[in-house]
Amino acid sequence: MNKLVRSFLTTSKLHYKIRTLQTSQKREKLPIILFTLIKPIARITSYVLGRNVRGAWKKLPQEQQRTYIEIMKANRGKFLLSGFFSGTGLYYLYESHIQYCPITGRRKFVALTPDQARKIGEANFTQILEEVEGIIVPESDPVYLKISKVANAILHANRDLRQIYDKTWTLTVIDAPVVNAFVLPSGNIFVYTGLLKACDTYDEVGVVLSHEIAHVVLGHVEEKLTRTSFLQMVLLVPMSLLWVLIPHDGIGFITTWFFNSVADIMLELPFSRFMEIEADDVGLVLAAKACLDVRKAPEFWSKMSLNRDDALQSEDLEFFSTHPADKTRQENLENKIENAIKIRNDCGCEKLSRKANEYTNKSS
């Protein structure tokens, strides 16, 4: 059931399939559209609601305003009780969607189901194929075959993980000078040829793919969309009150922008960087089990650090970025290499030597 098999050829891409484990259909918890649109919807709702309440309040006679204020003061206990129950409801919603990750041992908040994430991935997969039509590397191309060999080695070596064997994996290589690779939650791997030019060996390509596959294994898409959606729900009330209290729209827009920017810097960006480090750690284990030269992982980020001129790659400014600085990632991976080599040896892999890797990009 877990054996990795090669399936049919198509005109655009080569599919690599792991036979899917059949399970009962999971019940969807929340509509997919909620997760993809809640952030803009919440911000628009807070603006419209707050602005309308402010406008309606201004139109009231002063005597009626004083009457409402007295009513609110007299019933402030009820308002506090209502707020308490609302907070309790949000806390229950949070706790009822906590999951335990057996790979990292971390408890995480996830409301998006794997099936919902797969559907999002499949929709993105179709859209991306349409966008890159005409620059997809044929499956008969030697570069494609070498990348597929590395990807297959990673998937086959980690087929003991449910998040690996319950997906049908595909590989698409895009002929573009972009130094990038990514994997959709549905198991669709994309690699740009620009990444190959940035790598000296296919082991380096392998550690990058392992990192991207780790994001899928860890369910980071599901977790991030859930976290973002929940955060917007929590911020809806204070953001609406902000628009009620601020007298002018211009000041309101500036204040809202500042509030959202602070929320991103203090809450969303740190979590995004945490997920990248977590994917680095787990990806290194995936690469070790695939018998890749794990020493290439910190070497790759060291090289990337030297080649970038991005100001956000400074360790002092990385809190403005969704990703840790290259040097931060390099140092983290260097601290994990010894354990990764031990895992590699325990898997019966050939011992590492100082010789060049057999999949040297320069010689291919």
Protein backbone atom coordinates (compact mmCIF):
# COMPACT_ATOMS: atom_id res chain seq x y z
CA MET A 1 0.00 0.00 0.00
CA ASN A 2 2.83 2.40 0.79
CA LYS A 3 4.98 1.54 -2.19
CA LEU A 4 5.96 4.50 -4.36
CA VAL A 5 4.96 3.88 -7.97
CA ARG A 6 5.35 5.80 -11.20
CA SER A 7 2.13 6.47 -13.03
CA PHE A 8 1.22 7.55 -16.56
CA LEU A 9 2.89 10.27 -18.62
CA THR A 10 1.03 13.40 -19.66
CA THR A 11 1.94 16.08 -22.16
CA SER A 12 2.99 18.56 -19.51
CA LYS A 13 4.24 16.81 -16.42
CA LEU A 14 5.25 13.50 -14.92
CA HIS A 15 3.11 12.23 -12.05
CA TYR A 16 4.56 10.33 -9.13
CA LYS A 17 1.89 8.60 -7.15
CA ILE A 18 1.63 6.96 -3.77
CA ARG A 19 -1.42 4.77 -3.54
CA THR A 20 -3.94 6.57 -1.35
CA LEU A 21 -5.02 5.05 1.94
CA GLN A 22 -8.82 4.82 1.88
CA THR A 23 -10.54 6.28 4.92
CA SER A 24 -14.05 7.41 5.71
CA GLN A 25 -14.91 10.83 4.38
CA LYS A 26 -14.20 13.54 6.91
CA ARG A 27 -16.88 16.03 7.79
CA GLU A 28 -15.96 19.57 6.86
CA LYS A 29 -15.88 21.87 9.85
CA LEU A 30 -16.06 25.27 8.22
CA PRO A 31 -16.50 26.48 4.60
CA ILE A 32 -13.25 26.93 2.69
CA ILE A 33 -14.28 30.40 1.54
CA LEU A 34 -14.25 31.55 5.18
CA PHE A 35 -10.51 30.96 5.46
CA THR A 36 -9.54 32.56 2.17
CA LEU A 37 -11.70 35.70 2.44
CA ILE A 38 -12.13 36.36 6.16
CA LYS A 39 -9.21 38.79 6.40
CA PRO A 40 -10.49 41.32 3.81
CA ILE A 41 -14.11 40.71 4.82
CA ALA A 42 -13.33 41.36 8.50
CA ARG A 43 -11.53 44.60 7.71
CA ILE A 44 -14.30 45.84 5.44
CA THR A 45 -16.94 44.82 7.99
CA SER A 46 -15.19 46.67 10.82
CA TYR A 47 -14.94 49.78 8.64
CA VAL A 48 -18.57 49.72 7.49
CA LEU A 49 -20.00 48.80 10.89
CA GLY A 50 -17.93 51.29 12.86
CA ARG A 51 -18.42 54.12 10.39
CA ASN A 52 -22.20 53.60 10.21
CA VAL A 53 -22.52 53.50 14.01
CA ARG A 54 -20.48 56.69 14.29
CA GLY A 55 -22.62 58.41 11.63
CA ALA A 56 -25.88 57.31 13.27
CA TRP A 57 -24.63 58.51 16.67
CA LYS A 58 -23.77 61.96 15.33
CA LYS A 59 -27.26 62.35 13.87
CA LEU A 60 -28.91 61.79 17.24
CA PRO A 61 -29.97 64.84 19.28
CA GLN A 62 -27.73 65.52 22.27
CA GLU A 63 -30.53 64.74 24.68
CA GLN A 64 -31.06 61.33 23.12
CA GLN A 65 -27.29 60.71 23.16
CA ARG A 66 -27.24 61.42 26.92
CA THR A 67 -30.17 59.03 27.38
CA TYR A 68 -28.32 56.21 25.60
CA ILE A 69 -25.18 56.93 27.61
CA GLU A 70 -27.16 56.64 30.85
CA ILE A 71 -28.69 53.37 29.65
CA MET A 72 -25.24 51.97 28.83
CA LYS A 73 -23.91 53.02 32.24
CA ALA A 74 -26.88 51.46 34.00
CA ASN A 75 -26.41 48.20 32.09
CA ARG A 76 -22.64 48.05 31.99
CA GLY A 77 -22.76 44.83 34.01
CA LYS A 78 -24.81 43.19 31.28
CA PHE A 79 -22.40 44.44 28.64
CA LEU A 80 -19.47 43.04 30.61
CA LEU A 81 -21.28 39.73 31.03
CA SER A 82 -22.01 39.64 27.32
CA GLY A 83 -18.34 40.30 26.59
CA PHE A 84 -17.37 37.55 29.01
CA PHE A 85 -19.60 35.01 27.27
CA SER A 86 -18.34 36.11 23.86
CA GLY A 87 -14.75 35.70 25.03
CA THR A 88 -15.58 32.31 26.52
CA GLY A 89 -17.13 31.26 23.21
CA LEU A 90 -14.02 32.28 21.29
CA TYR A 91 -11.84 30.43 23.80
CA TYR A 92 -13.96 27.30 23.42
CA LEU A 93 -13.71 27.59 19.63
CA TYR A 94 -9.95 27.85 19.98
CA GLU A 95 -9.53 24.94 22.39
CA SER A 96 -11.92 22.67 20.46
CA HIS A 97 -9.70 22.95 17.38
CA ILE A 98 -6.36 22.26 19.08
CA GLN A 99 -4.49 19.35 17.48
CA TYR A 100 -1.39 17.49 18.56
CA CYS A 101 1.37 17.16 15.95
CA PRO A 102 3.10 13.77 16.46
CA ILE A 103 6.09 14.84 14.36
CA THR A 104 7.07 17.89 16.41
CA GLY A 105 5.12 17.25 19.63
CA ARG A 106 3.58 20.70 19.29
CA ARG A 107 -0.07 21.53 20.00
CA LYS A 108 -1.53 23.69 17.24
CA PHE A 109 -4.77 25.46 16.46
CA VAL A 110 -6.30 24.07 13.23
CA ALA A 111 -9.88 24.41 12.01
CA LEU A 112 -9.17 23.80 8.33
CA THR A 113 -9.39 20.08 7.53
CA PRO A 114 -6.81 18.27 5.35
CA ASP A 115 -9.52 17.77 2.73
CA GLN A 116 -10.24 21.51 2.64
CA ALA A 117 -6.52 22.27 2.31
CA ARG A 118 -6.30 19.72 -0.51
CA LYS A 119 -9.15 21.44 -2.37
CA ILE A 120 -7.43 24.81 -2.00
CA GLY A 121 -4.21 23.24 -3.29
CA GLU A 122 -5.95 21.66 -6.27
CA ALA A 123 -7.54 24.98 -7.23
CA ASN A 124 -4.14 26.69 -7.00
CA PHE A 125 -2.56 23.85 -8.98
CA THR A 126 -4.92 24.38 -11.92
CA GLN A 127 -4.40 28.14 -11.83
CA ILE A 128 -0.60 27.88 -11.72
CA LEU A 129 -0.50 25.42 -14.64
CA GLU A 130 -2.50 27.89 -16.71
CA GLU A 131 -0.11 30.71 -15.80
CA VAL A 132 3.07 28.78 -16.67
CA GLU A 133 1.75 27.06 -19.77
CA GLY A 134 4.45 27.09 -22.42
CA ILE A 135 7.42 27.17 -20.03
CA ILE A 136 6.96 23.75 -18.40
CA VAL A 137 10.02 21.51 -18.78
CA PRO A 138 9.12 18.24 -20.58
CA GLU A 139 9.30 15.09 -18.48
CA SER A 140 11.81 13.62 -20.92
CA ASP A 141 14.28 16.42 -20.21
CA PRO A 142 17.38 15.24 -18.24
CA VAL A 143 16.96 18.07 -15.72
CA TYR A 144 13.39 17.01 -15.03
CA LEU A 145 14.42 13.38 -14.60
CA LYS A 146 17.16 14.27 -12.13
CA ILE A 147 14.84 16.46 -10.05
CA SER A 148 12.18 13.74 -10.08
CA LYS A 149 14.80 11.24 -8.89
CA VAL A 150 15.60 13.45 -5.89
CA ALA A 151 11.93 14.15 -5.12
CA ASN A 152 11.06 10.48 -5.38
CA ALA A 153 13.91 9.55 -3.05
CA ILE A 154 12.56 11.95 -0.40
CA LEU A 155 8.97 10.70 -0.74
CA HIS A 156 9.94 7.03 -0.77
CA ALA A 157 12.23 7.35 2.26
CA ASN A 158 9.48 9.07 4.26
CA ARG A 159 6.54 6.94 3.13
CA ASP A 160 6.00 5.91 6.76
CA LEU A 161 4.42 9.34 7.37
CA ARG A 162 0.67 9.48 6.79
CA GLN A 163 1.01 12.98 5.36
CA ILE A 164 3.24 11.46 2.65
CA TYR A 165 1.47 8.24 1.74
CA ASP A 166 -2.07 9.62 1.66
CA LYS A 167 -1.38 12.00 -1.23
CA THR A 168 -0.91 11.70 -4.97
CA TRP A 169 2.28 13.65 -5.61
CA THR A 170 3.11 15.43 -8.85
CA LEU A 171 6.19 17.29 -10.06
CA THR A 172 6.21 20.28 -12.39
CA VAL A 173 9.48 21.94 -13.42
CA ILE A 174 9.14 25.50 -14.71
CA ASP A 175 11.75 27.00 -17.02
CA ALA A 176 12.12 30.43 -15.42
CA PRO A 177 15.07 32.21 -13.72
CA VAL A 178 13.30 32.29 -10.35
CA VAL A 179 15.22 30.87 -7.39
CA ASN A 180 12.26 29.10 -5.87
CA ALA A 181 10.42 25.85 -5.24
CA PHE A 182 7.17 25.21 -3.42
CA VAL A 183 4.70 22.43 -2.68
CA LEU A 184 0.91 22.84 -2.53
CA PRO A 185 -1.10 21.15 0.24
CA SER A 186 -2.47 18.74 -2.38
CA GLY A 187 1.03 17.35 -3.00
CA ASN A 188 1.92 19.28 -6.16
CA ILE A 189 5.65 20.05 -6.28
CA PHE A 190 6.87 23.01 -8.34
CA VAL A 191 10.54 23.69 -9.07
CA TYR A 192 11.91 26.61 -11.07
CA THR A 193 15.05 26.05 -13.11
CA GLY A 194 16.48 29.20 -11.52
CA LEU A 195 16.85 27.17 -8.31
CA LEU A 196 19.16 24.74 -10.11
CA LYS A 197 21.47 27.56 -11.10
CA ALA A 198 21.65 28.63 -7.45
CA CYS A 199 22.55 25.10 -6.34
CA ASP A 200 25.90 23.41 -6.88
CA THR A 201 24.58 19.87 -6.33
CA TYR A 202 21.30 18.03 -6.44
CA ASP A 203 21.72 17.41 -2.72
CA GLU A 204 21.13 21.15 -2.28
CA VAL A 205 18.04 20.88 -4.46
CA GLY A 206 17.00 17.97 -2.25
CA VAL A 207 17.26 19.89 1.02
CA VAL A 208 15.18 22.72 -0.48
CA LEU A 209 12.52 20.22 -1.63
CA SER A 210 12.61 18.54 1.78
CA HIS A 211 11.91 21.90 3.42
CA GLU A 212 8.95 22.55 1.12
CA ILE A 213 7.57 19.04 1.58
CA ALA A 214 7.92 19.53 5.35
CA HIS A 215 5.48 22.46 5.16
CA VAL A 216 2.88 20.04 3.76
CA VAL A 217 3.73 17.27 6.23
CA LEU A 218 3.33 19.72 9.13
CA GLY A 219 0.06 21.14 7.78
CA HIS A 220 1.35 24.69 7.85
CA VAL A 221 -1.15 25.96 5.27
CA GLU A 222 -4.09 24.70 7.34
CA GLU A 223 -2.62 26.14 10.52
CA LYS A 224 -1.75 29.54 9.10
CA LEU A 225 -5.12 30.07 7.41
CA THR A 226 -6.88 29.05 10.64
CA ARG A 227 -4.74 31.32 12.78
CA THR A 228 -5.23 34.29 10.46
CA SER A 229 -9.00 33.75 10.32
CA PHE A 230 -9.31 33.44 14.10
CA LEU A 231 -7.17 36.52 14.67
CA GLN A 232 -9.40 38.56 12.37
CA MET A 233 -12.49 37.37 14.27
CA VAL A 234 -10.92 38.46 17.57
CA LEU A 235 -9.90 41.86 16.17
CA LEU A 236 -13.27 42.57 14.54
CA VAL A 237 -14.83 44.19 17.65
CA PRO A 238 -11.89 46.45 18.62
CA MET A 239 -11.42 47.49 14.99
CA SER A 240 -15.12 48.40 14.73
CA LEU A 241 -14.91 50.39 17.97
CA LEU A 242 -11.87 52.16 16.56
CA TRP A 243 -13.93 53.45 13.64
CA VAL A 244 -16.73 54.47 16.04
CA LEU A 245 -14.44 56.53 18.25
CA ILE A 246 -12.28 58.18 15.58
CA PRO A 247 -14.06 61.34 14.32
CA HIS A 248 -12.57 61.57 10.79
CA ASP A 249 -12.16 58.98 8.03
CA GLY A 250 -8.65 60.13 7.12
CA ILE A 251 -7.41 59.64 10.68
CA GLY A 252 -9.35 56.38 10.80
CA PHE A 253 -7.59 54.97 7.75
CA ILE A 254 -4.16 55.93 9.08
CA THR A 255 -4.94 54.52 12.54
CA THR A 256 -6.35 51.30 11.04
CA TRP A 257 -3.29 50.89 8.83
CA PHE A 258 -1.02 51.39 11.84
CA PHE A 259 -3.06 48.96 13.95
CA ASN A 260 -2.97 46.28 11.25
CA SER A 261 0.75 46.80 10.66
CA VAL A 262 1.51 46.39 14.36
CA ALA A 263 -0.68 43.26 14.49
CA ASP A 264 1.20 41.80 11.53
CA ILE A 265 4.64 42.59 12.96
CA MET A 266 3.81 41.40 16.48
CA LEU A 267 1.63 38.37 15.69
CA GLU A 268 1.59 37.11 12.10
CA LEU A 269 5.19 37.65 10.96
CA PRO A 270 6.82 35.99 14.01
CA PHE A 271 4.59 32.95 13.53
CA SER A 272 5.46 32.81 9.83
CA ARG A 273 9.17 32.83 10.68
CA PHE A 274 8.59 30.15 13.30
CA MET A 275 6.98 27.90 10.69
CA GLU A 276 9.94 28.37 8.35
CA ILE A 277 12.37 27.29 11.06
CA GLU A 278 10.14 24.34 11.95
CA ALA A 279 10.05 23.31 8.27
CA ASP A 280 13.86 23.63 8.15
CA ASP A 281 14.18 21.28 11.14
CA VAL A 282 11.72 18.67 9.90
CA GLY A 283 12.94 19.03 6.31
CA LEU A 284 16.45 18.20 7.46
CA VAL A 285 15.15 14.95 8.96
CA LEU A 286 13.29 14.12 5.73
CA ALA A 287 16.49 14.75 3.77
CA ALA A 288 18.54 12.61 6.17
CA LYS A 289 16.15 9.67 5.79
CA ALA A 290 16.50 10.06 2.00
CA CYS A 291 20.28 9.69 2.35
CA LEU A 292 20.96 13.18 1.03
CA ASP A 293 24.07 15.06 2.09
CA VAL A 294 22.46 17.07 4.90
CA ARG A 295 25.61 19.17 5.26
CA LYS A 296 24.44 21.00 2.15
CA ALA A 297 21.53 22.58 4.03
CA PRO A 298 23.48 25.23 5.99
CA GLU A 299 25.87 25.61 3.06
CA PHE A 300 22.96 26.53 0.81
CA TRP A 301 21.70 29.28 3.12
CA SER A 302 25.23 30.57 3.62
CA LYS A 303 25.56 30.90 -0.14
CA MET A 304 22.15 32.55 -0.42
CA SER A 305 23.13 35.05 2.24
CA LEU A 306 26.21 36.05 0.27
CA ASN A 307 24.31 36.40 -2.99
CA ARG A 308 21.37 38.46 -1.71
CA ASP A 309 21.24 42.23 -1.51
CA ASP A 310 17.87 42.26 0.23
CA ALA A 311 17.93 44.59 3.23
CA LEU A 312 15.41 42.38 5.06
CA GLN A 313 18.00 39.60 5.13
CA SER A 314 19.73 41.54 7.89
CA GLU A 315 19.27 39.81 11.24
CA ASP A 316 18.45 43.20 12.76
CA LEU A 317 15.51 43.71 10.37
CA GLU A 318 14.17 40.18 9.99
CA PHE A 319 11.16 40.98 12.21
CA PHE A 320 9.75 42.80 9.15
CA SER A 321 9.95 39.63 7.06
CA THR A 322 7.89 36.46 6.70
CA HIS A 323 11.13 34.43 6.60
CA PRO A 324 14.10 34.36 8.96
CA ALA A 325 17.34 35.89 7.73
CA ASP A 326 19.51 33.48 5.75
CA LYS A 327 22.21 33.61 8.43
CA THR A 328 19.66 32.72 11.12
CA ARG A 329 18.58 29.68 9.11
CA GLN A 330 22.18 28.69 8.47
CA GLU A 331 23.09 28.81 12.16
CA ASN A 332 19.97 26.87 13.15
CA LEU A 333 20.69 24.12 10.63
CA GLU A 334 24.34 23.92 11.66
CA ASN A 335 23.18 23.14 15.20
CA LYS A 336 21.02 20.28 13.86
CA ILE A 337 23.53 18.67 11.49
CA GLU A 338 25.02 16.24 14.00
CA ASN A 339 21.63 14.77 14.82
CA ALA A 340 20.68 14.67 11.12
CA ILE A 341 23.84 12.70 10.29
CA LYS A 342 23.01 10.26 13.09
CA ILE A 343 19.52 9.76 11.63
CA ARG A 344 21.09 9.27 8.22
CA ASN A 345 23.47 6.61 9.56
CA ASP A 346 20.62 4.86 11.42
CA CYS A 347 18.77 4.58 8.09
CA GLY A 348 21.68 2.59 6.65
CA CYS A 349 22.80 5.30 4.25
CA GLU A 350 26.28 5.27 2.80
CA LYS A 351 28.63 7.27 4.97
CA LEU A 352 29.33 10.81 3.87
CA SER A 353 32.70 11.54 2.32
CA ARG A 354 34.51 14.62 1.20
CA LYS A 355 34.02 13.71 -2.45
CA ALA A 356 31.63 15.63 -4.67
CA ASN A 357 28.10 14.35 -4.77
CA GLU A 358 27.19 12.14 -7.72
CA TYR A 359 24.42 14.52 -8.78
CA THR A 360 26.68 17.50 -9.29
CA ASN A 361 24.82 20.22 -11.11
CA LYS A 362 27.96 21.61 -12.68
CA SER A 363 28.82 18.29 -14.29
CA SER A 364 25.30 17.58 -15.59
